[in-house]
């Protein structure tokens, strides 16, 4: 059942359910500040991107005061807000879970009228993500006073709904964060594997059958018997030629390669006089030898200038020495911290330098130019494969973070009816006969009635023909209706042309909905005769309403792409069951990525596998009903 919505009058909130109230913050929460005059060992709490956490005072990081006397007392279940420096503070809101003390600069708020603190944490977190309060802040530090904050409008759902929303978001955010954490671990594992691979291949070669000998160099270890070692000064020479003029590209060395710096945006370190920078020619190596933990070395594809503090050097004889091989070799000395171990300086101040003498006398392997090229080619291939996987996983994290933010917004503003989602955890109703019996032989008309139920119930911000198609397919196939369809494997998932006949029936023939087209697709709006479809729905679908409603509520909060993923997986999965062959989750994903449209490859394999797990948890598992899909 759709909820009637109204305009909240708040730009960053938009539409809210009609029954929700809009009031200033001062009627929802009050500020509380109790100072602890004398510190007696209480936990010290900090507001971070990971929430309100207990600081580790045995291994402190960040700013530490001389004393914690005068810190304020905070209590679990209250909100902690940072109402200053809103523009640069990464996280301005947190939920307090521990007794303790925190900086008196923060603002602690206590909820009134038994309002749910977790709900308002998610609401304010959504606002903080968008920095929506920034334009209301004052003075150079972009601050809000308690009075300013108290006068800003907020929304008030019924208390029961606040609790439902907070519990649902807590559960969903834990699930999403778990996937993100596992993805980050996988990224680190791939990076470690890449570093290990490079380190091994540059020192032992690519032929595992070649006998090895001790190189007598600790960081190198054993090398092929026909290799030798030589000091770097016989392979490279340092060059330092100051430009004495402007107009050159400014080059920076990063772990993503040598980059041309955009000096017009005034970001990063800016020099007062680039004529004092040193010249770099394409093929020269640039090394940040001042920061051996986060610095890097690479050869430049560009002519330009770079910082006079960097080290610029080049190969003495490119007929004997292949720059790509020695690039991998020198970069390995950063990742395995060999250079770091030889450096001198004050590391915690970022001045941990590799002195020129140690650099020039640094031992390197020497091997034939052919072997150098073969090693570089192999590493190019292998590292490229690993980098692509890492980029895909990094993209997955960004997509999940964006999805989580959107989910929070949709839930806390009532655009997703969380009270209806409780049905998702209920057992699925199984109809063992296929096809199930409907009290009509007008199959297309019955399908149009079901489409009307979907539109009427699931209509949301992301709802159009594509999402309607996917939901119709799932309902027809999962419950076991026979609408005389033949679904094809199309770009956005399973598709049958009957969708257009249904649209004609619900708009032109029966006036239940109006359909308008725009550049983004189609939009369905209720028409004057909408109530009439409901009579037919009760007549045809009364026995199946529970499962129909459950599945609609599964799909309602999904984006169009998420609905495409679920429907495509369901179709492939169902096809395997109909075929009667053995298969597993990997087989389903392989079928989707290789035997559907190439556009399916825009989603990562991990995303498909994760969706299968979600479908299992949601009792959205095929039973082999209907027909196999056919090639589009």
Foldseek 3Di string as FASTA:
>chain_A
DDFDWDAQPQPLQGIFGPPKDKAFQLQWKDWDWAFAQADDDFFEWDQDPVATDGADPVDGDDDDDPHCGGFTWDDAQKKKAQFWLLVPHLFGIHGDHDTGTYHPNIIIIDTPPLAHSLLVRLVVRLCSVVSVCQVVADDPRSGDDSVSRRGDMDMGDPRVLSVLLSVVLVVVVVVLVVLLVVLVVVLVVLVVVLLVVLLCCLQANDDPPADWDAQPDVSRGIYGPPKHKDFQLQWKDWDWAQQLDDDFFEWDQAPVGIDGDDPPVVPDDDDPDSSRFTWAAQQKKKWQQFALAGTAIDGHNHTGTYHSNIIIMHTPDCQFDPRLSVRSVRRSCSVVVVQQVQWDDDNVVSGTGRDPVCNRRPMHMGDGPVSSVVSSVVSVVVVVVSVVSSVQSVVVSVVSVVLSSVSSSCSSRNLQSSVLLVLLQDAADADPDAQDDWPDPQLLQVLLLLLLVLCVPQPGPADALLLSQLLSLLVCQARHHCSPFAWAQADLATGTPSSVVSVCCCPVVQQQWHWDADPVHIDTGGGPRVVVSVVVCCRTCVVPVSNSSNSSSVSRVDHSSLSSLLSRLQQLQLLCVLVVDDDDQLRSLCCSCPVGDVSSVVHPSVVSSVSVVVCVSSVSHGDNHDDHHHHD
